C-alpha atoms as a PDB file:
ATOM      1  CA  UNK A   1       0.000   0.000   0.000  1.00  0.00           C
ATOM      2  CA  UNK A   2       1.255   3.462  -0.933  1.00  0.00           C
ATOM      3  CA  UNK A   3       0.111   6.790   0.419  1.00  0.00           C
ATOM      4  CA  UNK A   4       0.610  10.168  -1.238  1.00  0.00           C
ATOM      5  CA  UNK A   5      -0.392  13.356   0.533  1.00  0.00           C
ATOM      6  CA  UNK A   6      -2.044  15.572  -2.062  1.00  0.00           C
ATOM      7  CA  UNK A   7      -2.846  18.279   0.459  1.00  0.00           C
ATOM      8  CA  UNK A   8      -1.644  18.753   4.028  1.00  0.00           C
ATOM      9  CA  UNK A   9      -3.177  22.134   4.810  1.00  0.00           C
ATOM     10  CA  UNK A  10      -6.563  23.789   5.046  1.00  0.00           C
ATOM     11  CA  UNK A  11      -8.861  25.828   2.864  1.00  0.00           C
ATOM     12  CA  UNK A  12      -6.690  28.828   1.926  1.00  0.00           C
ATOM     13  CA  UNK A  13      -3.369  27.883   3.464  1.00  0.00           C
ATOM     14  CA  UNK A  14      -0.674  30.066   1.871  1.00  0.00           C
ATOM     15  CA  UNK A  15       1.718  27.207   1.025  1.00  0.00           C
ATOM     16  CA  UNK A  16      -0.254  23.951   1.190  1.00  0.00           C
ATOM     17  CA  UNK A  17      -3.177  22.418  -0.639  1.00  0.00           C
ATOM     18  CA  UNK A  18      -6.133  21.453   1.504  1.00  0.00           C
ATOM     19  CA  UNK A  19      -7.037  17.931   2.582  1.00  0.00           C
ATOM     20  CA  UNK A  20      -6.564  15.135   0.065  1.00  0.00           C
ATOM     21  CA  UNK A  21      -4.818  11.753   0.056  1.00  0.00           C
ATOM     22  CA  UNK A  22      -4.118   9.214  -2.682  1.00  0.00           C
ATOM     23  CA  UNK A  23      -4.048   5.574  -1.566  1.00  0.00           C
ATOM     24  CA  UNK A  24      -2.888   2.840  -3.918  1.00  0.00           C
ATOM     25  CA  UNK A  25      -3.647  -0.807  -3.154  1.00  0.00           C
ATOM     26  CA  UNK A  26      -5.312  -3.078  -5.702  1.00  0.00           C
ATOM     27  CA  UNK A  27      -7.518  -0.012  -6.109  1.00  0.00           C
ATOM     28  CA  UNK A  28      -6.682   3.672  -6.614  1.00  0.00           C
ATOM     29  CA  UNK A  29      -8.574   5.581  -3.941  1.00  0.00           C
ATOM     30  CA  UNK A  30      -8.933   9.223  -2.999  1.00  0.00           C
ATOM     31  CA  UNK A  31      -9.565  10.229   0.591  1.00  0.00           C
ATOM     32  CA  UNK A  32     -11.097  13.717   0.488  1.00  0.00           C
ATOM     33  CA  UNK A  33     -10.678  16.224  -2.329  1.00  0.00           C
ATOM     34  CA  UNK A  34      -9.978  19.703  -0.980  1.00  0.00           C
ATOM     35  CA  UNK A  35      -8.977  22.793  -2.957  1.00  0.00           C
ATOM     36  CA  UNK A  36      -5.771  22.509  -5.022  1.00  0.00           C
ATOM     37  CA  UNK A  37      -5.475  18.747  -4.515  1.00  0.00           C
ATOM     38  CA  UNK A  38      -6.571  18.057  -8.093  1.00  0.00           C
ATOM     39  CA  UNK A  39      -3.530  19.919  -9.428  1.00  0.00           C
ATOM     40  CA  UNK A  40      -1.278  17.849  -7.159  1.00  0.00           C
ATOM     41  CA  UNK A  41      -2.960  14.653  -8.318  1.00  0.00           C
ATOM     42  CA  UNK A  42      -2.094  15.590 -11.892  1.00  0.00           C
ATOM     43  CA  UNK A  43       1.488  16.405 -10.844  1.00  0.00           C
ATOM     44  CA  UNK A  44       1.793  12.844  -9.530  1.00  0.00           C
ATOM     45  CA  UNK A  45       1.111  11.532 -13.029  1.00  0.00           C
ATOM     46  CA  UNK A  46      -2.074   9.749 -11.966  1.00  0.00           C
ATOM     47  CA  UNK A  47      -4.686   9.333 -14.696  1.00  0.00           C
ATOM     48  CA  UNK A  48      -7.688  11.036 -13.085  1.00  0.00           C
ATOM     49  CA  UNK A  49      -9.964   9.449 -15.671  1.00  0.00           C
ATOM     50  CA  UNK A  50      -9.288   6.004 -14.199  1.00  0.00           C
ATOM     51  CA  UNK A  51     -10.284   6.925 -10.649  1.00  0.00           C
ATOM     52  CA  UNK A  52     -13.439   5.050  -9.721  1.00  0.00           C
ATOM     53  CA  UNK A  53     -13.773   5.508  -5.927  1.00  0.00           C
ATOM     54  CA  UNK A  54     -13.629   8.678  -3.825  1.00  0.00           C
ATOM     55  CA  UNK A  55     -14.121   8.532  -0.058  1.00  0.00           C
ATOM     56  CA  UNK A  56     -15.127  11.674   1.820  1.00  0.00           C
ATOM     57  CA  UNK A  57     -14.755  12.199   5.554  1.00  0.00           C
ATOM     58  CA  UNK A  58     -17.245  15.116   5.643  1.00  0.00           C
ATOM     59  CA  UNK A  59     -18.360  18.017   3.504  1.00  0.00           C
ATOM     60  CA  UNK A  60     -16.632  21.115   4.735  1.00  0.00           C
ATOM     61  CA  UNK A  61     -15.245  22.854   1.643  1.00  0.00           C
ATOM     62  CA  UNK A  62     -11.591  22.226   2.531  1.00  0.00           C
ATOM     63  CA  UNK A  63     -12.223  18.480   2.168  1.00  0.00           C
ATOM     64  CA  UNK A  64     -14.509  18.570  -0.809  1.00  0.00           C
ATOM     65  CA  UNK A  65     -14.422  21.498  -3.222  1.00  0.00           C
ATOM     66  CA  UNK A  66     -12.027  20.165  -5.897  1.00  0.00           C
ATOM     67  CA  UNK A  67     -14.557  17.424  -6.581  1.00  0.00           C
ATOM     68  CA  UNK A  68     -16.640  19.998  -8.480  1.00  0.00           C
ATOM     69  CA  UNK A  69     -13.815  20.685 -10.941  1.00  0.00           C
ATOM     70  CA  UNK A  70     -12.911  16.988 -11.144  1.00  0.00           C
ATOM     71  CA  UNK A  71     -16.464  15.935 -11.936  1.00  0.00           C
ATOM     72  CA  UNK A  72     -17.099  18.604 -14.570  1.00  0.00           C
ATOM     73  CA  UNK A  73     -13.864  17.507 -16.250  1.00  0.00           C
ATOM     74  CA  UNK A  74     -14.956  13.858 -16.035  1.00  0.00           C
ATOM     75  CA  UNK A  75     -18.236  14.654 -17.781  1.00  0.00           C
ATOM     76  CA  UNK A  76     -16.425  16.530 -20.559  1.00  0.00           C
ATOM     77  CA  UNK A  77     -13.905  13.697 -20.999  1.00  0.00           C
ATOM     78  CA  UNK A  78     -16.608  11.019 -21.205  1.00  0.00           C
ATOM     79  CA  UNK A  79     -18.554  12.982 -23.835  1.00  0.00           C
ATOM     80  CA  UNK A  80     -15.781  14.253 -26.085  1.00  0.00           C
ATOM     81  CA  UNK A  81     -12.512  12.380 -25.391  1.00  0.00           C
ATOM     82  CA  UNK A  82     -13.012   8.797 -24.313  1.00  0.00           C
ATOM     83  CA  UNK A  83     -14.653   6.427 -21.856  1.00  0.00           C
ATOM     84  CA  UNK A  84     -14.043   6.437 -18.132  1.00  0.00           C
ATOM     85  CA  UNK A  85     -15.128   3.908 -15.484  1.00  0.00           C
ATOM     86  CA  UNK A  86     -18.224   4.343 -13.390  1.00  0.00           C
ATOM     87  CA  UNK A  87     -17.684   6.469 -10.296  1.00  0.00           C
ATOM     88  CA  UNK A  88     -18.560   5.501  -6.716  1.00  0.00           C
ATOM     89  CA  UNK A  89     -18.787   8.306  -4.147  1.00  0.00           C
ATOM     90  CA  UNK A  90     -18.535   7.124  -0.549  1.00  0.00           C
ATOM     91  CA  UNK A  91     -19.166   9.284   2.481  1.00  0.00           C
ATOM     92  CA  UNK A  92     -21.086   9.898   5.694  1.00  0.00           C
ATOM     93  CA  UNK A  93     -24.789  10.446   6.136  1.00  0.00           C
ATOM     94  CA  UNK A  94     -25.984  13.248   3.900  1.00  0.00           C
ATOM     95  CA  UNK A  95     -23.935  12.112   0.902  1.00  0.00           C
ATOM     96  CA  UNK A  96     -26.951  11.027  -1.156  1.00  0.00           C
ATOM     97  CA  UNK A  97     -28.750  14.315  -0.620  1.00  0.00           C
ATOM     98  CA  UNK A  98     -25.667  16.408  -1.385  1.00  0.00           C
ATOM     99  CA  UNK A  99     -24.522  14.600  -4.509  1.00  0.00           C
ATOM    100  CA  UNK A 100     -28.055  13.978  -5.705  1.00  0.00           C
ATOM    101  CA  UNK A 101     -28.721  17.707  -5.574  1.00  0.00           C
ATOM    102  CA  UNK A 102     -25.451  18.489  -7.357  1.00  0.00           C
ATOM    103  CA  UNK A 103     -26.121  16.007 -10.152  1.00  0.00           C
ATOM    104  CA  UNK A 104     -29.590  17.467 -10.717  1.00  0.00           C
ATOM    105  CA  UNK A 105     -28.800  21.164 -10.442  1.00  0.00           C
ATOM    106  CA  UNK A 106     -25.194  21.853 -11.529  1.00  0.00           C
ATOM    107  CA  UNK A 107     -25.215  22.657 -15.261  1.00  0.00           C
ATOM    108  CA  UNK A 108     -24.005  19.689 -17.290  1.00  0.00           C
ATOM    109  CA  UNK A 109     -23.497  17.374 -14.318  1.00  0.00           C
ATOM    110  CA  UNK A 110     -26.196  14.947 -15.471  1.00  0.00           C
ATOM    111  CA  UNK A 111     -24.655  14.542 -18.931  1.00  0.00           C
ATOM    112  CA  UNK A 112     -21.764  12.207 -18.113  1.00  0.00           C
ATOM    113  CA  UNK A 113     -21.501   8.947 -20.022  1.00  0.00           C
ATOM    114  CA  UNK A 114     -20.756   6.944 -16.917  1.00  0.00           C
ATOM    115  CA  UNK A 115     -22.794   5.881 -13.934  1.00  0.00           C
ATOM    116  CA  UNK A 116     -22.478   7.468 -10.507  1.00  0.00           C
ATOM    117  CA  UNK A 117     -23.135   5.407  -7.389  1.00  0.00           C
ATOM    118  CA  UNK A 118     -23.501   7.147  -4.033  1.00  0.00           C
ATOM    119  CA  UNK A 119     -22.865   5.128  -0.893  1.00  0.00           C
ATOM    120  CA  UNK A 120     -23.417   6.347   2.666  1.00  0.00           C
ATOM    121  CA  UNK A 121     -21.326   4.699   5.374  1.00  0.00           C
ATOM    122  CA  UNK A 122     -21.135   4.826   9.155  1.00  0.00           C
ATOM    123  CA  UNK A 123     -19.448   2.130  11.254  1.00  0.00           C
ATOM    124  CA  UNK A 124     -19.504  -1.021   9.154  1.00  0.00           C
ATOM    125  CA  UNK A 125     -16.590  -2.259   7.060  1.00  0.00           C
ATOM    126  CA  UNK A 126     -16.718  -3.301   3.421  1.00  0.00           C
ATOM    127  CA  UNK A 127     -14.433  -4.563   0.675  1.00  0.00           C
ATOM    128  CA  UNK A 128     -13.259  -2.855  -2.497  1.00  0.00           C
ATOM    129  CA  UNK A 129     -11.503  -5.646  -4.327  1.00  0.00           C
ATOM    130  CA  UNK A 130      -9.037  -7.042  -1.784  1.00  0.00           C
ATOM    131  CA  UNK A 131      -8.930  -3.784   0.180  1.00  0.00           C
ATOM    132  CA  UNK A 132     -10.959  -3.581   3.390  1.00  0.00           C
ATOM    133  CA  UNK A 133     -12.360  -0.163   4.256  1.00  0.00           C
ATOM    134  CA  UNK A 134     -13.653   0.487   7.775  1.00  0.00           C
ATOM    135  CA  UNK A 135     -15.318   3.847   8.387  1.00  0.00           C
ATOM    136  CA  UNK A 136     -15.727   5.098  11.938  1.00  0.00           C
ATOM    137  CA  UNK A 137     -17.853   7.991  13.156  1.00  0.00           C
ATOM    138  CA  UNK A 138     -15.704  10.664  14.802  1.00  0.00           C
ATOM    139  CA  UNK A 139     -16.477  13.887  16.673  1.00  0.00           C
ATOM    140  CA  UNK A 140     -15.890  17.088  14.729  1.00  0.00           C
ATOM    141  CA  UNK A 141     -18.933  19.232  13.974  1.00  0.00           C
ATOM    142  CA  UNK A 142     -22.272  18.889  15.778  1.00  0.00           C
ATOM    143  CA  UNK A 143     -24.166  19.536  12.547  1.00  0.00           C
ATOM    144  CA  UNK A 144     -22.358  16.981  10.397  1.00  0.00           C
ATOM    145  CA  UNK A 145     -21.877  13.254  10.420  1.00  0.00           C
ATOM    146  CA  UNK A 146     -18.095  12.895  10.079  1.00  0.00           C
ATOM    147  CA  UNK A 147     -16.072   9.722   9.593  1.00  0.00           C
ATOM    148  CA  UNK A 148     -12.479   8.614   9.542  1.00  0.00           C
ATOM    149  CA  UNK A 149     -11.298   5.603   7.545  1.00  0.00           C
ATOM    150  CA  UNK A 150      -9.198   2.553   8.293  1.00  0.00           C
ATOM    151  CA  UNK A 151      -7.752   0.817   5.229  1.00  0.00           C
ATOM    152  CA  UNK A 152      -6.374  -2.721   5.458  1.00  0.00           C
ATOM    153  CA  UNK A 153      -4.523  -4.373   2.606  1.00  0.00           C
ATOM    154  CA  UNK A 154      -2.181  -7.374   2.612  1.00  0.00           C
ATOM    155  CA  UNK A 155      -1.541  -7.178   6.327  1.00  0.00           C
ATOM    156  CA  UNK A 156      -0.851  -3.426   6.425  1.00  0.00           C
ATOM    157  CA  UNK A 157      -3.088  -0.768   7.954  1.00  0.00           C
ATOM    158  CA  UNK A 158      -3.522   2.925   7.231  1.00  0.00           C
ATOM    159  CA  UNK A 159      -5.749   5.072   9.441  1.00  0.00           C
ATOM    160  CA  UNK A 160      -7.027   8.489   8.383  1.00  0.00           C
ATOM    161  CA  UNK A 161      -8.789  10.610  10.966  1.00  0.00           C
ATOM    162  CA  UNK A 162     -10.443  13.189   8.747  1.00  0.00           C
ATOM    163  CA  UNK A 163     -11.293  16.185  10.930  1.00  0.00           C
ATOM    164  CA  UNK A 164     -11.873  15.193  14.519  1.00  0.00           C
ATOM    165  CA  UNK A 165     -11.419  15.938  18.161  1.00  0.00           C
ATOM    166  CA  UNK A 166      -9.713  13.458  20.473  1.00  0.00           C
ATOM    167  CA  UNK A 167     -12.355  10.762  21.032  1.00  0.00           C
ATOM    168  CA  UNK A 168     -12.692   7.073  21.809  1.00  0.00           C
ATOM    169  CA  UNK A 169     -13.842   6.087  18.274  1.00  0.00           C
ATOM    170  CA  UNK A 170     -10.636   7.562  16.879  1.00  0.00           C
ATOM    171  CA  UNK A 171      -8.578   5.289  19.120  1.00  0.00           C
ATOM    172  CA  UNK A 172     -10.431   2.271  17.741  1.00  0.00           C
ATOM    173  CA  UNK A 173      -9.890   3.514  14.199  1.00  0.00           C
ATOM    174  CA  UNK A 174      -6.132   3.809  14.750  1.00  0.00           C
ATOM    175  CA  UNK A 175      -5.557   0.682  16.856  1.00  0.00           C
ATOM    176  CA  UNK A 176      -2.130  -0.798  15.926  1.00  0.00           C
ATOM    177  CA  UNK A 177      -2.123   0.965  12.566  1.00  0.00           C
ATOM    178  CA  UNK A 178       1.134   0.944  10.629  1.00  0.00           C
ATOM    179  CA  UNK A 179       0.514   4.565   9.638  1.00  0.00           C
ATOM    180  CA  UNK A 180      -1.962   7.038  11.129  1.00  0.00           C
ATOM    181  CA  UNK A 181      -2.601  10.358   9.376  1.00  0.00           C
ATOM    182  CA  UNK A 182      -4.105  12.640  11.993  1.00  0.00           C
ATOM    183  CA  UNK A 183      -5.726  16.056  12.100  1.00  0.00           C
ATOM    184  CA  UNK A 184      -3.062  18.345  13.595  1.00  0.00           C
ATOM    185  CA  UNK A 185      -4.800  21.638  12.938  1.00  0.00           C
ATOM    186  CA  UNK A 186      -3.228  23.496  15.839  1.00  0.00           C
ATOM    187  CA  UNK A 187      -0.148  23.565  18.060  1.00  0.00           C
ATOM    188  CA  UNK A 188      -0.649  22.268  21.577  1.00  0.00           C
ATOM    189  CA  UNK A 189      -0.197  25.733  23.089  1.00  0.00           C
ATOM    190  CA  UNK A 190      -2.827  27.286  20.781  1.00  0.00           C
ATOM    191  CA  UNK A 191      -5.685  24.742  20.560  1.00  0.00           C
ATOM    192  CA  UNK A 192      -8.804  25.383  18.501  1.00  0.00           C
ATOM    193  CA  UNK A 193     -12.379  24.153  18.491  1.00  0.00           C
ATOM    194  CA  UNK A 194     -13.422  21.002  16.667  1.00  0.00           C
ATOM    195  CA  UNK A 195      -9.920  19.745  15.859  1.00  0.00           C
ATOM    196  CA  UNK A 196      -6.953  18.098  17.517  1.00  0.00           C
ATOM    197  CA  UNK A 197      -3.703  19.794  18.371  1.00  0.00           C
ATOM    198  CA  UNK A 198      -0.236  18.239  18.236  1.00  0.00           C
ATOM    199  CA  UNK A 199      -0.424  16.914  21.787  1.00  0.00           C
ATOM    200  CA  UNK A 200      -3.741  15.210  21.078  1.00  0.00           C
ATOM    201  CA  UNK A 201      -2.187  13.512  18.044  1.00  0.00           C
ATOM    202  CA  UNK A 202       0.647  12.201  20.178  1.00  0.00           C
ATOM    203  CA  UNK A 203      -1.797  10.861  22.749  1.00  0.00           C
ATOM    204  CA  UNK A 204      -3.829   9.052  20.100  1.00  0.00           C
ATOM    205  CA  UNK A 205      -0.701   7.498  18.577  1.00  0.00           C
ATOM    206  CA  UNK A 206       0.523   6.296  21.965  1.00  0.00           C
ATOM    207  CA  UNK A 207      -2.812   4.996  23.233  1.00  0.00           C
ATOM    208  CA  UNK A 208      -3.634   3.278  19.938  1.00  0.00           C
ATOM    209  CA  UNK A 209      -0.116   1.792  19.641  1.00  0.00           C
ATOM    210  CA  UNK A 210       0.489   3.283  16.202  1.00  0.00           C
ATOM    211  CA  UNK A 211       3.776   2.509  14.433  1.00  0.00           C
ATOM    212  CA  UNK A 212       4.140   5.789  12.466  1.00  0.00           C
ATOM    213  CA  UNK A 213       2.330   9.048  13.046  1.00  0.00           C
ATOM    214  CA  UNK A 214       1.859  11.596  10.261  1.00  0.00           C
ATOM    215  CA  UNK A 215       0.726  15.035  11.340  1.00  0.00           C
ATOM    216  CA  UNK A 216      -1.350  16.803   8.704  1.00  0.00           C
ATOM    217  CA  UNK A 217      -4.181  19.275   8.052  1.00  0.00           C
ATOM    218  CA  UNK A 218      -2.174  22.221   9.366  1.00  0.00           C
ATOM    219  CA  UNK A 219      -3.728  25.609   9.930  1.00  0.00           C
ATOM    220  CA  UNK A 220      -1.217  28.407   9.306  1.00  0.00           C
ATOM    221  CA  UNK A 221      -0.692  28.914  13.041  1.00  0.00           C
ATOM    222  CA  UNK A 222       0.662  25.356  13.304  1.00  0.00           C
ATOM    223  CA  UNK A 223       3.582  26.379  11.074  1.00  0.00           C
ATOM    224  CA  UNK A 224       4.844  28.764  13.769  1.00  0.00           C
ATOM    225  CA  UNK A 225       5.578  26.013  16.303  1.00  0.00           C
ATOM    226  CA  UNK A 226       7.423  22.688  16.436  1.00  0.00           C
ATOM    227  CA  UNK A 227       4.398  20.422  16.326  1.00  0.00           C
ATOM    228  CA  UNK A 228       6.526  17.280  15.971  1.00  0.00           C
ATOM    229  CA  UNK A 229       8.236  18.097  19.245  1.00  0.00           C
ATOM    230  CA  UNK A 230       4.891  18.741  20.902  1.00  0.00           C
ATOM    231  CA  UNK A 231       3.533  15.376  19.714  1.00  0.00           C
ATOM    232  CA  UNK A 232       6.733  13.621  20.830  1.00  0.00           C
ATOM    233  CA  UNK A 233       6.007  14.555  24.441  1.00  0.00           C
ATOM    234  CA  UNK A 234       3.333  11.862  24.301  1.00  0.00           C
ATOM    235  CA  UNK A 235       4.508   9.455  21.608  1.00  0.00           C
ATOM    236  CA  UNK A 236       7.942   7.923  21.264  1.00  0.00           C
ATOM    237  CA  UNK A 237       7.514   6.346  17.843  1.00  0.00           C
ATOM    238  CA  UNK A 238       8.192   7.735  14.384  1.00  0.00           C
ATOM    239  CA  UNK A 239       6.586  11.120  13.731  1.00  0.00           C
ATOM    240  CA  UNK A 240       6.484  12.859  10.359  1.00  0.00           C
ATOM    241  CA  UNK A 241       5.141  16.278   9.517  1.00  0.00           C
ATOM    242  CA  UNK A 242       3.081  15.800   6.374  1.00  0.00           C
ATOM    243  CA  UNK A 243       3.797  17.851   3.297  1.00  0.00           C
ATOM    244  CA  UNK A 244       2.210  18.072  -0.120  1.00  0.00           C
ATOM    245  CA  UNK A 245       3.359  15.344  -2.553  1.00  0.00           C
ATOM    246  CA  UNK A 246       4.991  13.284   0.227  1.00  0.00           C
ATOM    247  CA  UNK A 247       4.790   9.600  -0.752  1.00  0.00           C
ATOM    248  CA  UNK A 248       5.501   6.613   1.474  1.00  0.00           C
ATOM    249  CA  UNK A 249       4.923   2.908   1.715  1.00  0.00           C
ATOM    250  CA  UNK A 250       2.600   1.788   4.474  1.00  0.00           C
END
């Protein structure tokens, strides 16, 4: 399993794309699709017209908005350039209403020559080929159902928190993961609502017995402090600060 960080920042971070992650197993998967991640996907040399599954953690714009550009391009490609596979959109409760509305109301969105399947998930695992996906409800926004994802493939495990606060479901999601990509929006000395800070990430990694911790989803204020050092106060394992286009084997 290979992971590429397409975006390690937030909505209008001055130097980073927003949330987006490419996971390659026997499938090519996208986890979230925030602004400027589509450009980074193209930079990686990935054929966007072969992507068939996109998994969303929630629908704040910094995790979602590049999907609009991606989908309009997919419709154009299927009509005027060549075929593309059917597309499955996977996400928390509310996904069917959101995407159903988009497909009906955005100009041209109902003209694609491929099928679109919308799947809502909560806390039950499923298989995509030989890749097991386990969503888990996490605590982020009181008005949204938000999920993180655990991906298991050939004995290796990747956990992705999405946006979340420190919570018990997140510990279950990350339990003994080889790599955990966690929401490190803030430094420990400047915490913010609805997200984890660097110390929280370290606690999760230690309590879940994670092998490697990747800090990501940085707000600009997180750049002003040594968040790796703050996380290391709680976790003695490998800690990486995520960056756009970082690729690693899980």
